[in-house]
């Protein structure tokens, strides 16, 4: 789990963190990685789309 402090860092810091997480997963037999991205976090969504991650779901929630 990680967070990028500024949207302009997705292509640098985000890239390094995602690649590191995926490399760790491959070493440990993972078959899939799941990345959560809020609906309106467009820089992150664009970053993930460029790296060929697939959008599979959106979560709808309500504070109680």
C-alpha atoms as a PDB file:
ATOM      1  CA  UNK A   1       0.000   0.000   0.000  1.00  0.00           C
ATOM      2  CA  UNK A   2       1.386   3.417  -0.900  1.00  0.00           C
ATOM      3  CA  UNK A   3       0.343   6.964  -1.692  1.00  0.00           C
ATOM      4  CA  UNK A   4       1.931   9.544  -3.978  1.00  0.00           C
ATOM      5  CA  UNK A   5       1.916  13.044  -2.470  1.00  0.00           C
ATOM      6  CA  UNK A   6       1.704  14.976  -5.750  1.00  0.00           C
ATOM      7  CA  UNK A   7      -0.013  13.949  -9.010  1.00  0.00           C
ATOM      8  CA  UNK A   8       3.023  14.937 -11.083  1.00  0.00           C
ATOM      9  CA  UNK A   9       5.065  12.209  -9.377  1.00  0.00           C
ATOM     10  CA  UNK A  10       3.080   9.263 -10.754  1.00  0.00           C
ATOM     11  CA  UNK A  11       5.332   8.850 -13.786  1.00  0.00           C
ATOM     12  CA  UNK A  12       8.505   8.800 -11.672  1.00  0.00           C
ATOM     13  CA  UNK A  13       7.969   7.793  -8.048  1.00  0.00           C
ATOM     14  CA  UNK A  14       4.737   5.956  -8.805  1.00  0.00           C
ATOM     15  CA  UNK A  15       6.416   3.999 -11.581  1.00  0.00           C
ATOM     16  CA  UNK A  16       9.231   2.887  -9.272  1.00  0.00           C
ATOM     17  CA  UNK A  17       6.847   1.874  -6.497  1.00  0.00           C
ATOM     18  CA  UNK A  18       4.477  -0.026  -8.793  1.00  0.00           C
ATOM     19  CA  UNK A  19       7.320  -1.847 -10.549  1.00  0.00           C
ATOM     20  CA  UNK A  20       8.863  -2.736  -7.204  1.00  0.00           C
ATOM     21  CA  UNK A  21       5.549  -4.101  -5.892  1.00  0.00           C
ATOM     22  CA  UNK A  22       5.001  -6.154  -9.053  1.00  0.00           C
ATOM     23  CA  UNK A  23       8.553  -7.538  -8.974  1.00  0.00           C
ATOM     24  CA  UNK A  24       8.059  -8.555  -5.340  1.00  0.00           C
ATOM     25  CA  UNK A  25       4.789 -10.211  -6.267  1.00  0.00           C
ATOM     26  CA  UNK A  26       6.303 -12.146  -9.151  1.00  0.00           C
ATOM     27  CA  UNK A  27       9.035 -13.436  -6.829  1.00  0.00           C
ATOM     28  CA  UNK A  28       6.360 -14.691  -4.438  1.00  0.00           C
ATOM     29  CA  UNK A  29       4.073 -16.294  -6.997  1.00  0.00           C
ATOM     30  CA  UNK A  30       1.397 -13.618  -7.188  1.00  0.00           C
ATOM     31  CA  UNK A  31      -0.880 -13.888 -10.200  1.00  0.00           C
ATOM     32  CA  UNK A  32      -2.550 -10.492  -9.942  1.00  0.00           C
ATOM     33  CA  UNK A  33      -2.074  -7.034  -8.497  1.00  0.00           C
ATOM     34  CA  UNK A  34      -4.999  -4.825  -7.480  1.00  0.00           C
ATOM     35  CA  UNK A  35      -4.590  -1.053  -7.391  1.00  0.00           C
ATOM     36  CA  UNK A  36      -7.318   1.121  -5.872  1.00  0.00           C
ATOM     37  CA  UNK A  37      -7.939   4.427  -7.607  1.00  0.00           C
ATOM     38  CA  UNK A  38     -10.661   6.890  -6.602  1.00  0.00           C
ATOM     39  CA  UNK A  39     -13.073   7.813  -9.388  1.00  0.00           C
ATOM     40  CA  UNK A  40     -11.855  11.404  -9.772  1.00  0.00           C
ATOM     41  CA  UNK A  41      -8.131  10.839  -9.332  1.00  0.00           C
ATOM     42  CA  UNK A  42      -7.461  11.318 -13.023  1.00  0.00           C
ATOM     43  CA  UNK A  43      -3.632  11.525 -12.954  1.00  0.00           C
ATOM     44  CA  UNK A  44      -3.433   8.165 -11.190  1.00  0.00           C
ATOM     45  CA  UNK A  45      -6.046   6.625 -13.509  1.00  0.00           C
ATOM     46  CA  UNK A  46      -4.097   7.818 -16.562  1.00  0.00           C
ATOM     47  CA  UNK A  47      -0.887   6.409 -15.097  1.00  0.00           C
ATOM     48  CA  UNK A  48      -2.523   3.007 -14.544  1.00  0.00           C
ATOM     49  CA  UNK A  49      -4.117   2.952 -18.003  1.00  0.00           C
ATOM     50  CA  UNK A  50      -0.764   3.701 -19.664  1.00  0.00           C
ATOM     51  CA  UNK A  51       0.672   0.681 -17.867  1.00  0.00           C
ATOM     52  CA  UNK A  52      -2.119  -1.545 -19.216  1.00  0.00           C
ATOM     53  CA  UNK A  53      -3.858  -2.190 -15.906  1.00  0.00           C
ATOM     54  CA  UNK A  54      -7.541  -2.927 -16.477  1.00  0.00           C
ATOM     55  CA  UNK A  55     -10.385  -1.062 -14.823  1.00  0.00           C
ATOM     56  CA  UNK A  56     -12.623  -3.800 -13.437  1.00  0.00           C
ATOM     57  CA  UNK A  57     -14.795  -2.214 -10.754  1.00  0.00           C
ATOM     58  CA  UNK A  58     -15.877   0.942  -9.000  1.00  0.00           C
ATOM     59  CA  UNK A  59     -16.853   0.916  -5.335  1.00  0.00           C
ATOM     60  CA  UNK A  60     -19.827   2.930  -4.151  1.00  0.00           C
ATOM     61  CA  UNK A  61     -19.858   3.818  -0.454  1.00  0.00           C
ATOM     62  CA  UNK A  62     -21.725   5.993   2.013  1.00  0.00           C
ATOM     63  CA  UNK A  63     -20.560   7.356   5.334  1.00  0.00           C
ATOM     64  CA  UNK A  64     -22.875   6.266   8.142  1.00  0.00           C
END
